[in-house]
């Protein structure tokens, strides 16, 4: 194992077109995430999958025992890969993610997944705050349109704003091609 881990955040069926919260560009983001995962497996990097699950019995999204909560097959975890279940946007909060990284001697994390403005943002900031060298592969992440003050902010602008903020102070933001070339 290397000192690097790929953290695959919430690439779950709920975010795909048949789910209850489809994201703009999720298919391309998931395909890019799969490329990053494949390279990580080939180089001996740790791969940790994060799965969001709501705790409420009749949650409107990510409800237990539904197909929406399942990790999408394009990034299906291997049997040896950990799946960390979370209930908050930050994958470190109330989970054993940090312990798993420490036990594995991980110093650097690479983050892919969904949603750019929520779980990718929260997890990336927490990773940097915990002292990990953090890389966000932005075209392996997806988000949705947001509204604020009666205005709709298109997903591409939401994504760009959050990636710009993360790149400003929390980590390196790169493309799949550039990441795989290094």
C-alpha atoms as a PDB file:
ATOM      1  CA  UNK A   1       0.000   0.000   0.000  1.00  0.00           C
ATOM      2  CA  UNK A   2       1.053   3.566  -0.659  1.00  0.00           C
ATOM      3  CA  UNK A   3       0.489   6.614   1.525  1.00  0.00           C
ATOM      4  CA  UNK A   4      -2.322   7.764  -0.767  1.00  0.00           C
ATOM      5  CA  UNK A   5      -6.026   6.977  -0.613  1.00  0.00           C
ATOM      6  CA  UNK A   6      -8.818   7.677  -3.073  1.00  0.00           C
ATOM      7  CA  UNK A   7     -12.001   8.621  -1.248  1.00  0.00           C
ATOM      8  CA  UNK A   8     -15.038   7.925  -3.427  1.00  0.00           C
ATOM      9  CA  UNK A   9     -17.834  10.067  -1.991  1.00  0.00           C
ATOM     10  CA  UNK A  10     -21.488   9.182  -2.534  1.00  0.00           C
ATOM     11  CA  UNK A  11     -21.497   7.921  -6.102  1.00  0.00           C
ATOM     12  CA  UNK A  12     -24.867   6.372  -5.412  1.00  0.00           C
ATOM     13  CA  UNK A  13     -27.874   5.533  -7.549  1.00  0.00           C
ATOM     14  CA  UNK A  14     -29.926   8.389  -6.061  1.00  0.00           C
ATOM     15  CA  UNK A  15     -27.811  10.863  -8.056  1.00  0.00           C
ATOM     16  CA  UNK A  16     -28.288   9.152 -11.433  1.00  0.00           C
ATOM     17  CA  UNK A  17     -31.178   9.869 -13.854  1.00  0.00           C
ATOM     18  CA  UNK A  18     -33.372   7.135 -12.340  1.00  0.00           C
ATOM     19  CA  UNK A  19     -32.773   8.421  -8.793  1.00  0.00           C
ATOM     20  CA  UNK A  20     -34.626  11.043  -6.798  1.00  0.00           C
ATOM     21  CA  UNK A  21     -31.858  13.669  -6.989  1.00  0.00           C
ATOM     22  CA  UNK A  22     -30.190  13.433 -10.418  1.00  0.00           C
ATOM     23  CA  UNK A  23     -27.070  15.536 -10.814  1.00  0.00           C
ATOM     24  CA  UNK A  24     -25.837  17.400 -13.850  1.00  0.00           C
ATOM     25  CA  UNK A  25     -23.056  15.394 -15.510  1.00  0.00           C
ATOM     26  CA  UNK A  26     -23.105  12.501 -13.046  1.00  0.00           C
ATOM     27  CA  UNK A  27     -22.485   9.835 -15.697  1.00  0.00           C
ATOM     28  CA  UNK A  28     -19.291  11.512 -16.942  1.00  0.00           C
ATOM     29  CA  UNK A  29     -18.151  12.266 -13.386  1.00  0.00           C
ATOM     30  CA  UNK A  30     -18.709   8.640 -12.355  1.00  0.00           C
ATOM     31  CA  UNK A  31     -16.857   7.365 -15.433  1.00  0.00           C
ATOM     32  CA  UNK A  32     -13.916   9.628 -14.559  1.00  0.00           C
ATOM     33  CA  UNK A  33     -14.067   8.483 -10.944  1.00  0.00           C
ATOM     34  CA  UNK A  34     -13.930   4.880 -12.177  1.00  0.00           C
ATOM     35  CA  UNK A  35     -10.744   5.750 -14.110  1.00  0.00           C
ATOM     36  CA  UNK A  36      -9.185   7.224 -10.957  1.00  0.00           C
ATOM     37  CA  UNK A  37     -10.224   4.158  -8.933  1.00  0.00           C
ATOM     38  CA  UNK A  38      -8.792   1.794 -11.556  1.00  0.00           C
ATOM     39  CA  UNK A  39      -5.452   3.621 -11.473  1.00  0.00           C
ATOM     40  CA  UNK A  40      -5.451   3.604  -7.659  1.00  0.00           C
ATOM     41  CA  UNK A  41      -6.030  -0.132  -7.553  1.00  0.00           C
ATOM     42  CA  UNK A  42      -3.249  -0.699 -10.083  1.00  0.00           C
ATOM     43  CA  UNK A  43      -0.761   1.373  -8.078  1.00  0.00           C
ATOM     44  CA  UNK A  44      -1.636  -0.049  -4.675  1.00  0.00           C
ATOM     45  CA  UNK A  45      -3.392   3.035  -3.331  1.00  0.00           C
ATOM     46  CA  UNK A  46      -6.115   2.549  -0.747  1.00  0.00           C
ATOM     47  CA  UNK A  47      -9.650   3.011  -2.083  1.00  0.00           C
ATOM     48  CA  UNK A  48     -12.358   3.918   0.407  1.00  0.00           C
ATOM     49  CA  UNK A  49     -15.980   4.281  -0.640  1.00  0.00           C
ATOM     50  CA  UNK A  50     -18.295   6.599   1.259  1.00  0.00           C
ATOM     51  CA  UNK A  51     -22.009   5.919   1.243  1.00  0.00           C
ATOM     52  CA  UNK A  52     -24.552   8.441   2.467  1.00  0.00           C
ATOM     53  CA  UNK A  53     -27.530   6.944   4.295  1.00  0.00           C
ATOM     54  CA  UNK A  54     -30.291   8.883   5.976  1.00  0.00           C
ATOM     55  CA  UNK A  55     -31.172   7.850   9.491  1.00  0.00           C
ATOM     56  CA  UNK A  56     -34.870   8.693   9.271  1.00  0.00           C
ATOM     57  CA  UNK A  57     -36.999   5.590   8.564  1.00  0.00           C
ATOM     58  CA  UNK A  58     -38.926   7.200   5.688  1.00  0.00           C
ATOM     59  CA  UNK A  59     -36.299   9.602   4.359  1.00  0.00           C
ATOM     60  CA  UNK A  60     -37.120  11.177   0.987  1.00  0.00           C
ATOM     61  CA  UNK A  61     -33.626  10.386  -0.376  1.00  0.00           C
ATOM     62  CA  UNK A  62     -30.886   7.883   0.507  1.00  0.00           C
ATOM     63  CA  UNK A  63     -33.386   5.801   2.463  1.00  0.00           C
ATOM     64  CA  UNK A  64     -32.177   2.511   3.863  1.00  0.00           C
ATOM     65  CA  UNK A  65     -32.971  -0.611   1.846  1.00  0.00           C
ATOM     66  CA  UNK A  66     -33.667   1.283  -1.391  1.00  0.00           C
ATOM     67  CA  UNK A  67     -31.834   1.142  -4.691  1.00  0.00           C
ATOM     68  CA  UNK A  68     -31.155   4.871  -4.373  1.00  0.00           C
ATOM     69  CA  UNK A  69     -28.828   4.394  -1.405  1.00  0.00           C
ATOM     70  CA  UNK A  70     -26.744   1.743  -3.189  1.00  0.00           C
ATOM     71  CA  UNK A  71     -23.326   2.585  -4.603  1.00  0.00           C
ATOM     72  CA  UNK A  72     -23.586   2.791  -8.381  1.00  0.00           C
ATOM     73  CA  UNK A  73     -22.139  -0.222 -10.214  1.00  0.00           C
ATOM     74  CA  UNK A  74     -19.701   1.926 -12.232  1.00  0.00           C
ATOM     75  CA  UNK A  75     -17.640   2.412  -9.034  1.00  0.00           C
ATOM     76  CA  UNK A  76     -18.611  -0.807  -7.284  1.00  0.00           C
ATOM     77  CA  UNK A  77     -16.322  -1.477  -4.325  1.00  0.00           C
ATOM     78  CA  UNK A  78     -14.151  -4.552  -4.390  1.00  0.00           C
ATOM     79  CA  UNK A  79     -14.584  -6.932  -1.484  1.00  0.00           C
ATOM     80  CA  UNK A  80     -11.321  -5.761   0.109  1.00  0.00           C
ATOM     81  CA  UNK A  81     -12.269  -2.063  -0.098  1.00  0.00           C
ATOM     82  CA  UNK A  82     -13.840  -0.316   2.867  1.00  0.00           C
ATOM     83  CA  UNK A  83     -17.279   1.264   2.688  1.00  0.00           C
ATOM     84  CA  UNK A  84     -17.768   4.046   5.228  1.00  0.00           C
ATOM     85  CA  UNK A  85     -21.409   4.887   5.899  1.00  0.00           C
ATOM     86  CA  UNK A  86     -22.038   8.512   6.798  1.00  0.00           C
ATOM     87  CA  UNK A  87     -25.030  10.562   7.871  1.00  0.00           C
ATOM     88  CA  UNK A  88     -23.587  14.063   7.374  1.00  0.00           C
ATOM     89  CA  UNK A  89     -21.984  15.895   4.427  1.00  0.00           C
ATOM     90  CA  UNK A  90     -18.495  15.615   5.978  1.00  0.00           C
ATOM     91  CA  UNK A  91     -17.328  12.012   5.539  1.00  0.00           C
ATOM     92  CA  UNK A  92     -15.075  12.374   8.600  1.00  0.00           C
ATOM     93  CA  UNK A  93     -17.890  13.376  10.962  1.00  0.00           C
ATOM     94  CA  UNK A  94     -19.060  10.515  13.193  1.00  0.00           C
ATOM     95  CA  UNK A  95     -17.345   7.861  11.031  1.00  0.00           C
ATOM     96  CA  UNK A  96     -14.145   5.852  11.249  1.00  0.00           C
ATOM     97  CA  UNK A  97     -12.688   7.401   8.074  1.00  0.00           C
ATOM     98  CA  UNK A  98      -9.836   9.221   9.836  1.00  0.00           C
ATOM     99  CA  UNK A  99      -8.969   6.101  11.827  1.00  0.00           C
ATOM    100  CA  UNK A 100      -8.868   4.021   8.635  1.00  0.00           C
ATOM    101  CA  UNK A 101      -6.569   6.549   6.980  1.00  0.00           C
ATOM    102  CA  UNK A 102      -4.277   6.702  10.009  1.00  0.00           C
ATOM    103  CA  UNK A 103      -4.143   2.910  10.315  1.00  0.00           C
ATOM    104  CA  UNK A 104      -3.163   2.700   6.643  1.00  0.00           C
ATOM    105  CA  UNK A 105      -0.434   5.322   6.998  1.00  0.00           C
ATOM    106  CA  UNK A 106      -2.196   7.601   4.514  1.00  0.00           C
ATOM    107  CA  UNK A 107      -0.781  11.112   4.119  1.00  0.00           C
ATOM    108  CA  UNK A 108      -2.497  12.130   0.863  1.00  0.00           C
ATOM    109  CA  UNK A 109      -6.145  11.867  -0.186  1.00  0.00           C
ATOM    110  CA  UNK A 110      -7.711  12.134  -3.615  1.00  0.00           C
ATOM    111  CA  UNK A 111     -11.399  12.984  -3.551  1.00  0.00           C
ATOM    112  CA  UNK A 112     -14.008  12.178  -6.208  1.00  0.00           C
ATOM    113  CA  UNK A 113     -17.789  11.976  -6.108  1.00  0.00           C
ATOM    114  CA  UNK A 114     -20.874  13.980  -5.293  1.00  0.00           C
ATOM    115  CA  UNK A 115     -22.131  16.618  -4.632  1.00  0.00           C
ATOM    116  CA  UNK A 116     -19.490  19.251  -5.351  1.00  0.00           C
ATOM    117  CA  UNK A 117     -21.194  21.914  -3.254  1.00  0.00           C
ATOM    118  CA  UNK A 118     -21.970  19.685  -0.300  1.00  0.00           C
ATOM    119  CA  UNK A 119     -20.154  16.440   0.522  1.00  0.00           C
ATOM    120  CA  UNK A 120     -17.118  17.036  -1.706  1.00  0.00           C
ATOM    121  CA  UNK A 121     -16.687  20.501  -0.223  1.00  0.00           C
ATOM    122  CA  UNK A 122     -17.169  19.380   3.405  1.00  0.00           C
ATOM    123  CA  UNK A 123     -14.976  16.284   3.077  1.00  0.00           C
ATOM    124  CA  UNK A 124     -12.196  18.113   1.214  1.00  0.00           C
ATOM    125  CA  UNK A 125     -12.059  20.890   3.792  1.00  0.00           C
ATOM    126  CA  UNK A 126     -12.022  18.373   6.645  1.00  0.00           C
ATOM    127  CA  UNK A 127      -9.266  16.347   4.974  1.00  0.00           C
ATOM    128  CA  UNK A 128      -7.111  19.464   4.645  1.00  0.00           C
ATOM    129  CA  UNK A 129      -7.914  20.480   8.233  1.00  0.00           C
ATOM    130  CA  UNK A 130      -6.782  17.022   9.384  1.00  0.00           C
ATOM    131  CA  UNK A 131      -3.454  17.628   7.641  1.00  0.00           C
ATOM    132  CA  UNK A 132      -3.857  15.434   4.577  1.00  0.00           C
ATOM    133  CA  UNK A 133      -2.426  16.588   1.277  1.00  0.00           C
ATOM    134  CA  UNK A 134      -5.712  16.903  -0.584  1.00  0.00           C
ATOM    135  CA  UNK A 135      -6.446  16.595  -4.294  1.00  0.00           C
ATOM    136  CA  UNK A 136      -9.917  17.030  -5.743  1.00  0.00           C
ATOM    137  CA  UNK A 137     -10.447  15.601  -9.228  1.00  0.00           C
ATOM    138  CA  UNK A 138     -13.067  18.086 -10.344  1.00  0.00           C
ATOM    139  CA  UNK A 139     -14.315  16.342 -13.486  1.00  0.00           C
ATOM    140  CA  UNK A 140     -14.892  13.239 -11.355  1.00  0.00           C
ATOM    141  CA  UNK A 141     -17.371  15.246  -9.252  1.00  0.00           C
ATOM    142  CA  UNK A 142     -20.909  16.414  -9.997  1.00  0.00           C
ATOM    143  CA  UNK A 143     -23.540  18.714  -8.567  1.00  0.00           C
ATOM    144  CA  UNK A 144     -26.936  20.262  -9.347  1.00  0.00           C
ATOM    145  CA  UNK A 145     -28.537  23.645  -9.875  1.00  0.00           C
ATOM    146  CA  UNK A 146     -29.093  25.613  -6.677  1.00  0.00           C
ATOM    147  CA  UNK A 147     -31.426  28.464  -5.867  1.00  0.00           C
ATOM    148  CA  UNK A 148     -30.740  31.487  -3.730  1.00  0.00           C
ATOM    149  CA  UNK A 149     -32.749  34.667  -3.357  1.00  0.00           C
ATOM    150  CA  UNK A 150     -35.147  33.610  -6.078  1.00  0.00           C
ATOM    151  CA  UNK A 151     -32.279  33.080  -8.520  1.00  0.00           C
ATOM    152  CA  UNK A 152     -31.253  29.748 -10.022  1.00  0.00           C
ATOM    153  CA  UNK A 153     -27.515  29.121 -10.109  1.00  0.00           C
ATOM    154  CA  UNK A 154     -26.691  26.577 -12.856  1.00  0.00           C
ATOM    155  CA  UNK A 155     -24.793  23.456 -11.801  1.00  0.00           C
ATOM    156  CA  UNK A 156     -21.741  24.369 -13.872  1.00  0.00           C
ATOM    157  CA  UNK A 157     -21.443  27.663 -11.985  1.00  0.00           C
ATOM    158  CA  UNK A 158     -22.045  25.998  -8.613  1.00  0.00           C
ATOM    159  CA  UNK A 159     -19.340  23.457  -9.418  1.00  0.00           C
ATOM    160  CA  UNK A 160     -16.887  26.115 -10.633  1.00  0.00           C
ATOM    161  CA  UNK A 161     -17.389  28.303  -7.557  1.00  0.00           C
ATOM    162  CA  UNK A 162     -16.812  25.445  -5.136  1.00  0.00           C
ATOM    163  CA  UNK A 163     -13.794  24.089  -7.012  1.00  0.00           C
ATOM    164  CA  UNK A 164     -12.307  27.608  -7.101  1.00  0.00           C
ATOM    165  CA  UNK A 165     -12.765  27.928  -3.335  1.00  0.00           C
ATOM    166  CA  UNK A 166     -11.270  24.503  -2.628  1.00  0.00           C
ATOM    167  CA  UNK A 167      -8.329  25.195  -4.904  1.00  0.00           C
ATOM    168  CA  UNK A 168      -7.732  28.550  -3.254  1.00  0.00           C
ATOM    169  CA  UNK A 169      -6.992  27.192   0.217  1.00  0.00           C
ATOM    170  CA  UNK A 170      -7.749  23.513   0.714  1.00  0.00           C
ATOM    171  CA  UNK A 171      -6.053  21.453  -1.944  1.00  0.00           C
ATOM    172  CA  UNK A 172      -5.108  20.893  -5.530  1.00  0.00           C
ATOM    173  CA  UNK A 173      -7.983  20.837  -7.982  1.00  0.00           C
ATOM    174  CA  UNK A 174      -7.215  18.944 -11.173  1.00  0.00           C
ATOM    175  CA  UNK A 175      -8.742  16.993 -14.052  1.00  0.00           C
ATOM    176  CA  UNK A 176      -8.829  13.230 -14.381  1.00  0.00           C
ATOM    177  CA  UNK A 177      -6.400  13.319 -17.319  1.00  0.00           C
ATOM    178  CA  UNK A 178      -3.910  15.526 -15.492  1.00  0.00           C
ATOM    179  CA  UNK A 179      -4.189  13.456 -12.311  1.00  0.00           C
ATOM    180  CA  UNK A 180      -3.618  10.192 -14.175  1.00  0.00           C
ATOM    181  CA  UNK A 181      -0.648  11.678 -16.042  1.00  0.00           C
ATOM    182  CA  UNK A 182       1.242  12.375 -12.792  1.00  0.00           C
END
